[in-house]
N, C-alpha and C. Protein backbone atom coordinates (compact mmCIF):
# COMPACT_ATOMS: atom_id res chain seq x y z
N MET A 1 -14.49 -25.11 3.39
CA MET A 1 -14.66 -23.82 4.01
C MET A 1 -16.00 -23.22 3.56
N GLU A 2 -16.59 -22.46 4.42
CA GLU A 2 -17.87 -21.84 4.13
C GLU A 2 -17.75 -20.71 3.12
N LYS A 3 -18.90 -20.23 2.70
CA LYS A 3 -18.98 -19.10 1.79
C LYS A 3 -18.54 -17.82 2.54
N THR A 4 -17.86 -16.95 1.84
CA THR A 4 -17.38 -15.71 2.44
C THR A 4 -18.55 -14.78 2.75
N ASN A 5 -18.57 -14.26 3.96
CA ASN A 5 -19.58 -13.31 4.40
C ASN A 5 -19.53 -12.07 3.51
N LYS A 6 -20.73 -11.61 3.06
CA LYS A 6 -20.82 -10.46 2.16
C LYS A 6 -20.20 -9.20 2.77
N LYS A 7 -20.42 -8.96 4.04
CA LYS A 7 -19.88 -7.78 4.71
C LYS A 7 -18.35 -7.83 4.72
N ILE A 8 -17.79 -8.98 5.05
CA ILE A 8 -16.33 -9.16 5.05
C ILE A 8 -15.77 -8.93 3.65
N LEU A 9 -16.45 -9.46 2.66
CA LEU A 9 -16.02 -9.32 1.27
C LEU A 9 -16.01 -7.84 0.85
N GLU A 10 -17.05 -7.11 1.21
CA GLU A 10 -17.11 -5.68 0.89
C GLU A 10 -15.99 -4.92 1.58
N GLU A 11 -15.71 -5.26 2.84
CA GLU A 11 -14.62 -4.60 3.56
C GLU A 11 -13.28 -4.87 2.89
N ILE A 12 -13.06 -6.10 2.45
CA ILE A 12 -11.80 -6.47 1.80
C ILE A 12 -11.63 -5.68 0.51
N ILE A 13 -12.66 -5.64 -0.31
CA ILE A 13 -12.57 -4.92 -1.59
C ILE A 13 -12.35 -3.42 -1.34
N ARG A 14 -13.13 -2.85 -0.41
CA ARG A 14 -13.03 -1.41 -0.12
C ARG A 14 -11.63 -1.02 0.38
N VAL A 15 -11.15 -1.76 1.36
CA VAL A 15 -9.86 -1.39 1.96
C VAL A 15 -8.69 -1.67 1.01
N ASP A 16 -8.77 -2.72 0.23
CA ASP A 16 -7.67 -3.01 -0.69
C ASP A 16 -7.64 -1.99 -1.82
N HIS A 17 -8.79 -1.56 -2.27
CA HIS A 17 -8.86 -0.49 -3.27
C HIS A 17 -8.20 0.77 -2.71
N ALA A 18 -8.57 1.15 -1.49
CA ALA A 18 -8.00 2.35 -0.85
C ALA A 18 -6.50 2.19 -0.64
N GLY A 19 -6.08 1.02 -0.22
CA GLY A 19 -4.66 0.78 0.06
C GLY A 19 -3.80 0.85 -1.18
N GLU A 20 -4.26 0.25 -2.26
CA GLU A 20 -3.48 0.28 -3.50
C GLU A 20 -3.42 1.70 -4.05
N ARG A 21 -4.53 2.41 -3.93
CA ARG A 21 -4.53 3.81 -4.37
C ARG A 21 -3.59 4.63 -3.48
N GLY A 22 -3.61 4.36 -2.18
CA GLY A 22 -2.72 5.05 -1.26
C GLY A 22 -1.26 4.82 -1.59
N ALA A 23 -0.92 3.58 -1.93
CA ALA A 23 0.46 3.27 -2.30
C ALA A 23 0.89 4.07 -3.53
N ILE A 24 0.00 4.15 -4.50
CA ILE A 24 0.30 4.93 -5.71
C ILE A 24 0.52 6.40 -5.34
N LYS A 25 -0.31 6.93 -4.45
CA LYS A 25 -0.18 8.34 -4.06
C LYS A 25 1.15 8.58 -3.32
N ILE A 26 1.56 7.63 -2.49
CA ILE A 26 2.87 7.76 -1.83
C ILE A 26 3.98 7.81 -2.88
N TYR A 27 3.93 6.88 -3.84
CA TYR A 27 4.95 6.86 -4.89
C TYR A 27 4.89 8.12 -5.74
N GLU A 28 3.67 8.63 -6.02
CA GLU A 28 3.54 9.87 -6.78
C GLU A 28 4.19 11.03 -6.03
N GLY A 29 4.00 11.08 -4.72
CA GLY A 29 4.64 12.12 -3.92
C GLY A 29 6.15 12.00 -3.96
N GLN A 30 6.64 10.77 -3.87
CA GLN A 30 8.09 10.56 -3.92
C GLN A 30 8.64 10.96 -5.29
N LEU A 31 7.94 10.57 -6.34
CA LEU A 31 8.41 10.91 -7.69
C LEU A 31 8.36 12.42 -7.93
N LEU A 32 7.35 13.08 -7.41
CA LEU A 32 7.27 14.53 -7.53
C LEU A 32 8.50 15.19 -6.89
N ALA A 33 8.85 14.74 -5.70
CA ALA A 33 10.04 15.29 -5.03
C ALA A 33 11.31 14.97 -5.82
N LEU A 34 11.37 13.77 -6.38
CA LEU A 34 12.56 13.37 -7.13
C LEU A 34 12.68 14.10 -8.46
N LYS A 35 11.58 14.60 -8.98
CA LYS A 35 11.61 15.33 -10.25
C LYS A 35 11.79 16.83 -10.04
N THR A 36 11.55 17.31 -8.83
CA THR A 36 11.59 18.76 -8.61
C THR A 36 12.66 19.21 -7.62
N VAL A 37 12.89 18.46 -6.58
CA VAL A 37 13.76 18.93 -5.49
C VAL A 37 15.03 18.11 -5.36
N LYS A 38 14.90 16.82 -5.35
CA LYS A 38 16.05 15.92 -5.16
C LYS A 38 16.29 15.14 -6.45
N GLN A 39 17.53 14.96 -6.79
CA GLN A 39 17.86 14.19 -7.99
C GLN A 39 18.52 12.88 -7.56
N ASP A 40 17.84 11.77 -7.87
CA ASP A 40 18.41 10.44 -7.60
C ASP A 40 17.78 9.50 -8.60
N GLU A 41 18.44 9.34 -9.73
CA GLU A 41 17.90 8.55 -10.84
C GLU A 41 17.66 7.09 -10.45
N SER A 42 18.56 6.52 -9.69
CA SER A 42 18.43 5.13 -9.26
C SER A 42 17.19 4.93 -8.39
N LEU A 43 16.99 5.82 -7.44
CA LEU A 43 15.82 5.75 -6.56
C LEU A 43 14.54 5.96 -7.38
N LYS A 44 14.58 6.90 -8.29
CA LYS A 44 13.43 7.20 -9.14
C LYS A 44 13.02 5.95 -9.94
N GLU A 45 13.98 5.26 -10.50
CA GLU A 45 13.71 4.05 -11.29
C GLU A 45 13.06 2.96 -10.43
N LYS A 46 13.57 2.78 -9.22
CA LYS A 46 13.00 1.77 -8.32
C LYS A 46 11.55 2.10 -7.96
N ILE A 47 11.32 3.36 -7.66
CA ILE A 47 9.97 3.78 -7.27
C ILE A 47 9.01 3.66 -8.46
N GLU A 48 9.47 4.02 -9.64
CA GLU A 48 8.61 3.88 -10.83
C GLU A 48 8.23 2.43 -11.07
N LEU A 49 9.16 1.51 -10.87
CA LEU A 49 8.89 0.08 -11.05
C LEU A 49 7.85 -0.40 -10.03
N MET A 50 8.03 -0.02 -8.78
CA MET A 50 7.08 -0.44 -7.74
C MET A 50 5.70 0.17 -7.99
N LYS A 51 5.68 1.41 -8.46
CA LYS A 51 4.41 2.07 -8.76
C LYS A 51 3.66 1.30 -9.86
N GLU A 52 4.39 0.77 -10.84
CA GLU A 52 3.76 -0.02 -11.92
C GLU A 52 3.00 -1.22 -11.34
N HIS A 53 3.60 -1.91 -10.37
CA HIS A 53 2.91 -3.03 -9.72
C HIS A 53 1.63 -2.55 -9.04
N GLU A 54 1.75 -1.42 -8.34
CA GLU A 54 0.59 -0.89 -7.61
C GLU A 54 -0.52 -0.49 -8.57
N LEU A 55 -0.17 0.00 -9.76
CA LEU A 55 -1.19 0.34 -10.75
C LEU A 55 -1.95 -0.90 -11.19
N GLU A 56 -1.24 -2.01 -11.35
CA GLU A 56 -1.89 -3.29 -11.70
C GLU A 56 -2.85 -3.70 -10.58
N HIS A 57 -2.42 -3.56 -9.34
CA HIS A 57 -3.25 -3.92 -8.19
C HIS A 57 -4.49 -3.02 -8.13
N LEU A 58 -4.29 -1.73 -8.30
CA LEU A 58 -5.42 -0.79 -8.24
C LEU A 58 -6.42 -1.07 -9.35
N GLU A 59 -5.92 -1.33 -10.54
CA GLU A 59 -6.81 -1.62 -11.67
C GLU A 59 -7.71 -2.82 -11.34
N TYR A 60 -7.14 -3.84 -10.73
CA TYR A 60 -7.93 -5.01 -10.34
C TYR A 60 -9.02 -4.63 -9.34
N PHE A 61 -8.66 -3.87 -8.31
CA PHE A 61 -9.65 -3.52 -7.29
C PHE A 61 -10.66 -2.49 -7.78
N GLU A 62 -10.26 -1.65 -8.74
CA GLU A 62 -11.24 -0.74 -9.37
C GLU A 62 -12.33 -1.57 -10.04
N LYS A 63 -11.93 -2.61 -10.75
CA LYS A 63 -12.90 -3.49 -11.43
C LYS A 63 -13.77 -4.22 -10.41
N GLU A 64 -13.17 -4.68 -9.32
CA GLU A 64 -13.92 -5.40 -8.29
C GLU A 64 -14.94 -4.48 -7.61
N ILE A 65 -14.56 -3.24 -7.35
CA ILE A 65 -15.47 -2.25 -6.74
C ILE A 65 -16.72 -2.12 -7.63
N GLN A 66 -16.50 -1.99 -8.92
CA GLN A 66 -17.61 -1.81 -9.86
C GLN A 66 -18.42 -3.09 -10.02
N LYS A 67 -17.73 -4.19 -10.23
CA LYS A 67 -18.39 -5.47 -10.47
C LYS A 67 -19.26 -5.89 -9.29
N ARG A 68 -18.77 -5.64 -8.08
CA ARG A 68 -19.46 -6.09 -6.87
C ARG A 68 -20.30 -4.99 -6.23
N ASN A 69 -20.28 -3.81 -6.88
CA ASN A 69 -21.08 -2.68 -6.39
C ASN A 69 -20.75 -2.32 -4.94
N VAL A 70 -19.43 -2.19 -4.66
CA VAL A 70 -18.95 -1.83 -3.33
C VAL A 70 -18.62 -0.34 -3.34
N LYS A 71 -19.07 0.36 -2.32
CA LYS A 71 -18.76 1.79 -2.22
C LYS A 71 -17.31 1.97 -1.73
N PRO A 72 -16.53 2.80 -2.45
CA PRO A 72 -15.17 3.08 -1.97
C PRO A 72 -15.23 3.82 -0.63
N THR A 73 -14.13 3.81 0.09
CA THR A 73 -14.09 4.55 1.34
C THR A 73 -14.33 6.04 1.07
N ARG A 74 -15.01 6.68 1.96
CA ARG A 74 -15.27 8.12 1.84
C ARG A 74 -13.99 8.93 2.11
N PHE A 75 -12.98 8.27 2.61
CA PHE A 75 -11.75 8.96 2.99
C PHE A 75 -10.72 9.04 1.86
N LEU A 76 -11.07 8.58 0.65
CA LEU A 76 -10.09 8.59 -0.45
C LEU A 76 -9.42 9.96 -0.65
N PRO A 77 -10.17 11.07 -0.67
CA PRO A 77 -9.48 12.36 -0.86
C PRO A 77 -8.45 12.65 0.23
N LEU A 78 -8.77 12.32 1.47
CA LEU A 78 -7.82 12.54 2.57
C LEU A 78 -6.62 11.61 2.43
N TRP A 79 -6.88 10.34 2.12
CA TRP A 79 -5.77 9.39 1.95
C TRP A 79 -4.87 9.83 0.80
N ASP A 80 -5.48 10.35 -0.29
CA ASP A 80 -4.67 10.83 -1.43
C ASP A 80 -3.72 11.93 -0.97
N LEU A 81 -4.26 12.90 -0.29
CA LEU A 81 -3.46 14.03 0.19
C LEU A 81 -2.36 13.57 1.14
N MET A 82 -2.72 12.72 2.08
CA MET A 82 -1.74 12.25 3.06
C MET A 82 -0.67 11.37 2.40
N GLY A 83 -1.07 10.57 1.41
CA GLY A 83 -0.12 9.73 0.71
C GLY A 83 0.92 10.54 -0.05
N VAL A 84 0.45 11.53 -0.80
CA VAL A 84 1.38 12.39 -1.55
C VAL A 84 2.31 13.12 -0.58
N ALA A 85 1.75 13.63 0.51
CA ALA A 85 2.57 14.36 1.50
C ALA A 85 3.61 13.44 2.13
N LEU A 86 3.20 12.23 2.49
CA LEU A 86 4.14 11.27 3.09
C LEU A 86 5.25 10.93 2.10
N GLY A 87 4.88 10.66 0.87
CA GLY A 87 5.89 10.34 -0.14
C GLY A 87 6.85 11.49 -0.39
N PHE A 88 6.32 12.67 -0.58
CA PHE A 88 7.16 13.85 -0.83
C PHE A 88 8.09 14.10 0.35
N GLY A 89 7.50 14.06 1.53
CA GLY A 89 8.28 14.33 2.75
C GLY A 89 9.39 13.34 2.99
N THR A 90 9.13 12.06 2.75
CA THR A 90 10.17 11.06 3.01
C THR A 90 11.33 11.20 2.04
N VAL A 91 11.06 11.60 0.80
CA VAL A 91 12.16 11.83 -0.14
C VAL A 91 13.00 13.02 0.31
N LEU A 92 12.34 14.07 0.81
CA LEU A 92 13.09 15.23 1.29
C LEU A 92 14.01 14.86 2.45
N MET A 93 13.61 13.83 3.22
CA MET A 93 14.41 13.38 4.35
C MET A 93 15.58 12.50 3.91
N GLY A 94 15.56 12.05 2.67
CA GLY A 94 16.67 11.25 2.14
C GLY A 94 16.24 9.86 1.70
N LYS A 95 17.18 9.19 1.05
CA LYS A 95 16.91 7.86 0.46
C LYS A 95 16.50 6.84 1.52
N LYS A 96 17.20 6.84 2.68
CA LYS A 96 16.85 5.87 3.73
C LYS A 96 15.41 6.06 4.19
N ALA A 97 14.99 7.30 4.35
CA ALA A 97 13.62 7.59 4.79
C ALA A 97 12.61 7.19 3.72
N ALA A 98 12.92 7.50 2.46
CA ALA A 98 12.02 7.15 1.36
C ALA A 98 11.84 5.63 1.27
N MET A 99 12.94 4.90 1.40
CA MET A 99 12.86 3.45 1.32
C MET A 99 12.23 2.85 2.58
N LEU A 100 12.46 3.48 3.73
CA LEU A 100 11.80 3.01 4.94
C LEU A 100 10.29 3.17 4.82
N CYS A 101 9.84 4.24 4.20
CA CYS A 101 8.41 4.44 3.99
C CYS A 101 7.82 3.23 3.27
N THR A 102 8.46 2.82 2.18
CA THR A 102 8.00 1.63 1.44
C THR A 102 8.04 0.39 2.33
N ALA A 103 9.15 0.16 2.99
CA ALA A 103 9.30 -1.05 3.83
C ALA A 103 8.24 -1.08 4.93
N SER A 104 8.01 0.03 5.60
CA SER A 104 7.05 0.08 6.71
C SER A 104 5.64 -0.20 6.23
N VAL A 105 5.24 0.47 5.15
CA VAL A 105 3.90 0.26 4.61
C VAL A 105 3.74 -1.18 4.15
N GLU A 106 4.73 -1.69 3.43
CA GLU A 106 4.61 -3.05 2.88
C GLU A 106 4.58 -4.12 3.97
N GLU A 107 5.28 -3.90 5.08
CA GLU A 107 5.20 -4.87 6.19
C GLU A 107 3.79 -4.94 6.75
N VAL A 108 3.14 -3.79 6.88
CA VAL A 108 1.75 -3.77 7.37
C VAL A 108 0.84 -4.46 6.35
N ILE A 109 1.04 -4.18 5.07
CA ILE A 109 0.19 -4.75 4.02
C ILE A 109 0.40 -6.26 3.91
N GLU A 110 1.62 -6.70 4.08
CA GLU A 110 1.89 -8.15 4.04
C GLU A 110 1.03 -8.87 5.08
N ASP A 111 1.03 -8.39 6.31
CA ASP A 111 0.20 -8.99 7.37
C ASP A 111 -1.28 -8.84 7.07
N HIS A 112 -1.65 -7.68 6.58
CA HIS A 112 -3.05 -7.38 6.24
C HIS A 112 -3.56 -8.36 5.18
N TYR A 113 -2.79 -8.54 4.12
CA TYR A 113 -3.19 -9.47 3.05
C TYR A 113 -3.23 -10.90 3.57
N GLU A 114 -2.30 -11.27 4.40
CA GLU A 114 -2.29 -12.64 4.96
C GLU A 114 -3.57 -12.89 5.76
N ASN A 115 -3.99 -11.91 6.56
CA ASN A 115 -5.24 -12.05 7.33
C ASN A 115 -6.44 -12.16 6.41
N GLN A 116 -6.44 -11.41 5.32
CA GLN A 116 -7.56 -11.48 4.38
C GLN A 116 -7.63 -12.86 3.71
N ILE A 117 -6.49 -13.39 3.35
CA ILE A 117 -6.44 -14.70 2.70
C ILE A 117 -7.09 -15.74 3.61
N LYS A 118 -6.83 -15.64 4.91
CA LYS A 118 -7.41 -16.58 5.88
C LYS A 118 -8.93 -16.41 6.00
N LYS A 119 -9.44 -15.21 5.78
CA LYS A 119 -10.88 -14.93 5.91
C LYS A 119 -11.69 -15.36 4.70
N LEU A 120 -11.03 -15.43 3.54
CA LEU A 120 -11.76 -15.73 2.31
C LEU A 120 -12.09 -17.21 2.19
N GLY A 121 -13.32 -17.46 1.78
CA GLY A 121 -13.77 -18.84 1.60
C GLY A 121 -13.41 -19.36 0.22
N ASN A 122 -13.72 -20.64 -0.01
CA ASN A 122 -13.42 -21.28 -1.30
C ASN A 122 -14.26 -20.71 -2.44
N ASP A 123 -15.32 -19.99 -2.09
CA ASP A 123 -16.15 -19.36 -3.12
C ASP A 123 -15.45 -18.14 -3.74
N GLU A 124 -14.36 -17.72 -3.14
CA GLU A 124 -13.62 -16.54 -3.61
C GLU A 124 -12.19 -16.91 -3.99
N ILE A 125 -12.04 -18.02 -4.69
CA ILE A 125 -10.71 -18.52 -5.03
C ILE A 125 -9.93 -17.56 -5.94
N ASN A 126 -10.63 -16.88 -6.87
CA ASN A 126 -9.93 -15.94 -7.76
C ASN A 126 -9.44 -14.72 -6.99
N LEU A 127 -10.29 -14.17 -6.12
CA LEU A 127 -9.88 -13.03 -5.29
C LEU A 127 -8.73 -13.43 -4.39
N LYS A 128 -8.84 -14.60 -3.81
CA LYS A 128 -7.80 -15.11 -2.91
C LYS A 128 -6.46 -15.22 -3.64
N SER A 129 -6.47 -15.75 -4.86
CA SER A 129 -5.22 -15.92 -5.60
C SER A 129 -4.64 -14.57 -6.02
N LYS A 130 -5.49 -13.59 -6.34
CA LYS A 130 -5.00 -12.24 -6.67
C LYS A 130 -4.35 -11.61 -5.45
N ILE A 131 -5.01 -11.72 -4.29
CA ILE A 131 -4.46 -11.13 -3.07
C ILE A 131 -3.13 -11.80 -2.73
N GLU A 132 -3.04 -13.09 -2.94
CA GLU A 132 -1.78 -13.82 -2.70
C GLU A 132 -0.68 -13.28 -3.62
N LYS A 133 -1.00 -13.09 -4.90
CA LYS A 133 -0.03 -12.54 -5.85
C LYS A 133 0.39 -11.14 -5.44
N PHE A 134 -0.60 -10.31 -5.08
CA PHE A 134 -0.30 -8.94 -4.69
C PHE A 134 0.54 -8.92 -3.41
N LYS A 135 0.25 -9.82 -2.48
CA LYS A 135 1.05 -9.92 -1.25
C LYS A 135 2.51 -10.21 -1.61
N ASN A 136 2.73 -11.10 -2.56
CA ASN A 136 4.10 -11.43 -2.97
C ASN A 136 4.79 -10.23 -3.63
N ASP A 137 4.03 -9.43 -4.40
CA ASP A 137 4.59 -8.20 -4.97
C ASP A 137 5.00 -7.24 -3.85
N GLU A 138 4.16 -7.12 -2.82
CA GLU A 138 4.44 -6.21 -1.71
C GLU A 138 5.69 -6.67 -0.93
N ILE A 139 5.83 -7.97 -0.78
CA ILE A 139 7.03 -8.51 -0.12
C ILE A 139 8.27 -8.16 -0.95
N GLN A 140 8.14 -8.26 -2.27
CA GLN A 140 9.25 -7.90 -3.15
C GLN A 140 9.60 -6.41 -2.99
N HIS A 141 8.58 -5.55 -2.88
CA HIS A 141 8.82 -4.12 -2.68
C HIS A 141 9.55 -3.87 -1.35
N LYS A 142 9.10 -4.57 -0.31
CA LYS A 142 9.74 -4.45 1.00
C LYS A 142 11.22 -4.84 0.91
N ASN A 143 11.49 -5.95 0.22
CA ASN A 143 12.87 -6.42 0.09
C ASN A 143 13.72 -5.44 -0.72
N ILE A 144 13.16 -4.87 -1.78
CA ILE A 144 13.87 -3.86 -2.57
C ILE A 144 14.20 -2.66 -1.68
N ALA A 145 13.23 -2.27 -0.86
CA ALA A 145 13.44 -1.11 0.03
C ALA A 145 14.60 -1.36 1.00
N TYR A 146 14.62 -2.54 1.62
CA TYR A 146 15.72 -2.84 2.56
C TYR A 146 17.05 -2.96 1.83
N GLU A 147 17.05 -3.56 0.64
CA GLU A 147 18.28 -3.67 -0.14
C GLU A 147 18.78 -2.29 -0.59
N SER A 148 17.85 -1.32 -0.66
CA SER A 148 18.18 0.03 -1.14
C SER A 148 18.47 1.01 0.00
N GLY A 149 18.61 0.51 1.22
CA GLY A 149 19.04 1.37 2.30
C GLY A 149 18.03 1.63 3.41
N ALA A 150 16.82 1.11 3.30
CA ALA A 150 15.85 1.30 4.39
C ALA A 150 16.43 0.74 5.69
N THR A 151 16.21 1.46 6.75
CA THR A 151 16.65 1.00 8.07
C THR A 151 15.65 1.50 9.10
N ASN A 152 15.52 0.77 10.19
CA ASN A 152 14.67 1.27 11.28
C ASN A 152 15.49 1.44 12.55
N LYS A 153 16.76 1.77 12.36
CA LYS A 153 17.64 2.04 13.50
C LYS A 153 17.59 3.52 13.85
N GLY A 154 17.77 3.82 15.11
CA GLY A 154 17.83 5.21 15.57
C GLY A 154 16.53 5.94 15.30
N PHE A 155 16.64 7.15 14.78
CA PHE A 155 15.49 7.99 14.44
C PHE A 155 14.50 7.26 13.55
N TYR A 156 15.02 6.43 12.65
CA TYR A 156 14.17 5.72 11.70
C TYR A 156 13.24 4.73 12.38
N GLY A 157 13.61 4.28 13.56
CA GLY A 157 12.74 3.39 14.33
C GLY A 157 11.44 4.08 14.70
N ALA A 158 11.53 5.34 15.11
CA ALA A 158 10.33 6.12 15.44
C ALA A 158 9.51 6.36 14.19
N MET A 159 10.18 6.67 13.11
CA MET A 159 9.48 6.90 11.84
C MET A 159 8.75 5.64 11.38
N ASP A 160 9.40 4.50 11.53
CA ASP A 160 8.80 3.21 11.19
C ASP A 160 7.50 2.99 11.97
N LYS A 161 7.54 3.24 13.27
CA LYS A 161 6.35 3.06 14.11
C LYS A 161 5.23 4.02 13.71
N ILE A 162 5.57 5.25 13.40
CA ILE A 162 4.56 6.25 13.00
C ILE A 162 3.90 5.84 11.69
N ILE A 163 4.69 5.45 10.71
CA ILE A 163 4.14 5.05 9.40
C ILE A 163 3.28 3.79 9.55
N LYS A 164 3.75 2.82 10.31
CA LYS A 164 2.97 1.58 10.49
C LYS A 164 1.67 1.86 11.23
N THR A 165 1.72 2.69 12.27
CA THR A 165 0.50 3.02 13.01
C THR A 165 -0.49 3.76 12.11
N GLY A 166 0.01 4.73 11.35
CA GLY A 166 -0.86 5.45 10.41
C GLY A 166 -1.48 4.52 9.39
N SER A 167 -0.70 3.58 8.89
CA SER A 167 -1.21 2.62 7.90
C SER A 167 -2.31 1.74 8.52
N ARG A 168 -2.08 1.29 9.74
CA ARG A 168 -3.09 0.44 10.39
C ARG A 168 -4.38 1.21 10.67
N ILE A 169 -4.25 2.47 11.06
CA ILE A 169 -5.44 3.31 11.29
C ILE A 169 -6.21 3.50 9.99
N ALA A 170 -5.50 3.80 8.90
CA ALA A 170 -6.15 3.97 7.60
C ALA A 170 -6.85 2.70 7.16
N ILE A 171 -6.24 1.56 7.43
CA ILE A 171 -6.86 0.26 7.09
C ILE A 171 -8.17 0.09 7.86
N THR A 172 -8.12 0.30 9.16
CA THR A 172 -9.31 0.11 10.01
C THR A 172 -10.45 1.03 9.56
N ILE A 173 -10.13 2.28 9.32
CA ILE A 173 -11.16 3.23 8.89
C ILE A 173 -11.70 2.85 7.52
N SER A 174 -10.82 2.52 6.58
CA SER A 174 -11.24 2.24 5.20
C SER A 174 -12.07 0.97 5.08
N GLU A 175 -11.87 0.02 5.98
CA GLU A 175 -12.71 -1.18 5.95
C GLU A 175 -14.17 -0.83 6.22
N LYS A 176 -14.38 0.10 7.14
CA LYS A 176 -15.72 0.36 7.66
C LYS A 176 -16.45 1.51 6.98
N ILE A 177 -15.70 2.55 6.60
CA ILE A 177 -16.37 3.78 6.12
C ILE A 177 -15.96 4.07 4.68
């Protein structure tokens, strides 16, 4: 396989940095709601565990941003605000909505990471293996969410589509700007 195009590589690092940070902000919003408005210790524990994985992912991409001198997306402040609001709001809607938020986002990220893996050349074997590992973590989060009550039936089907569409829009914007 050929060498990875520099522009593609920068887009991958930028968007993955934004995405992992966004995931943390969603979980922070959910945890804020769980600590102030809704009490669900079991849900809180699951979200804290998933957030720990996302912190590991973000730490990796923070280092890659610096090492490769890639500019983060200019939309980070907006994504932070929207992530916290989405997380907080889904917890207020209940456990099914909170878990659907995770499942919906992770399904988009699973496909996103798979596409990135296909784009990366053999010159980026370490990045490729990290993205593969992170993709597997995201699949695990999705599975935890469904096992914990996430559903996309009825009203939740519309919510699923909205969250997935928003995630895809954020990905497209974050790759470029």
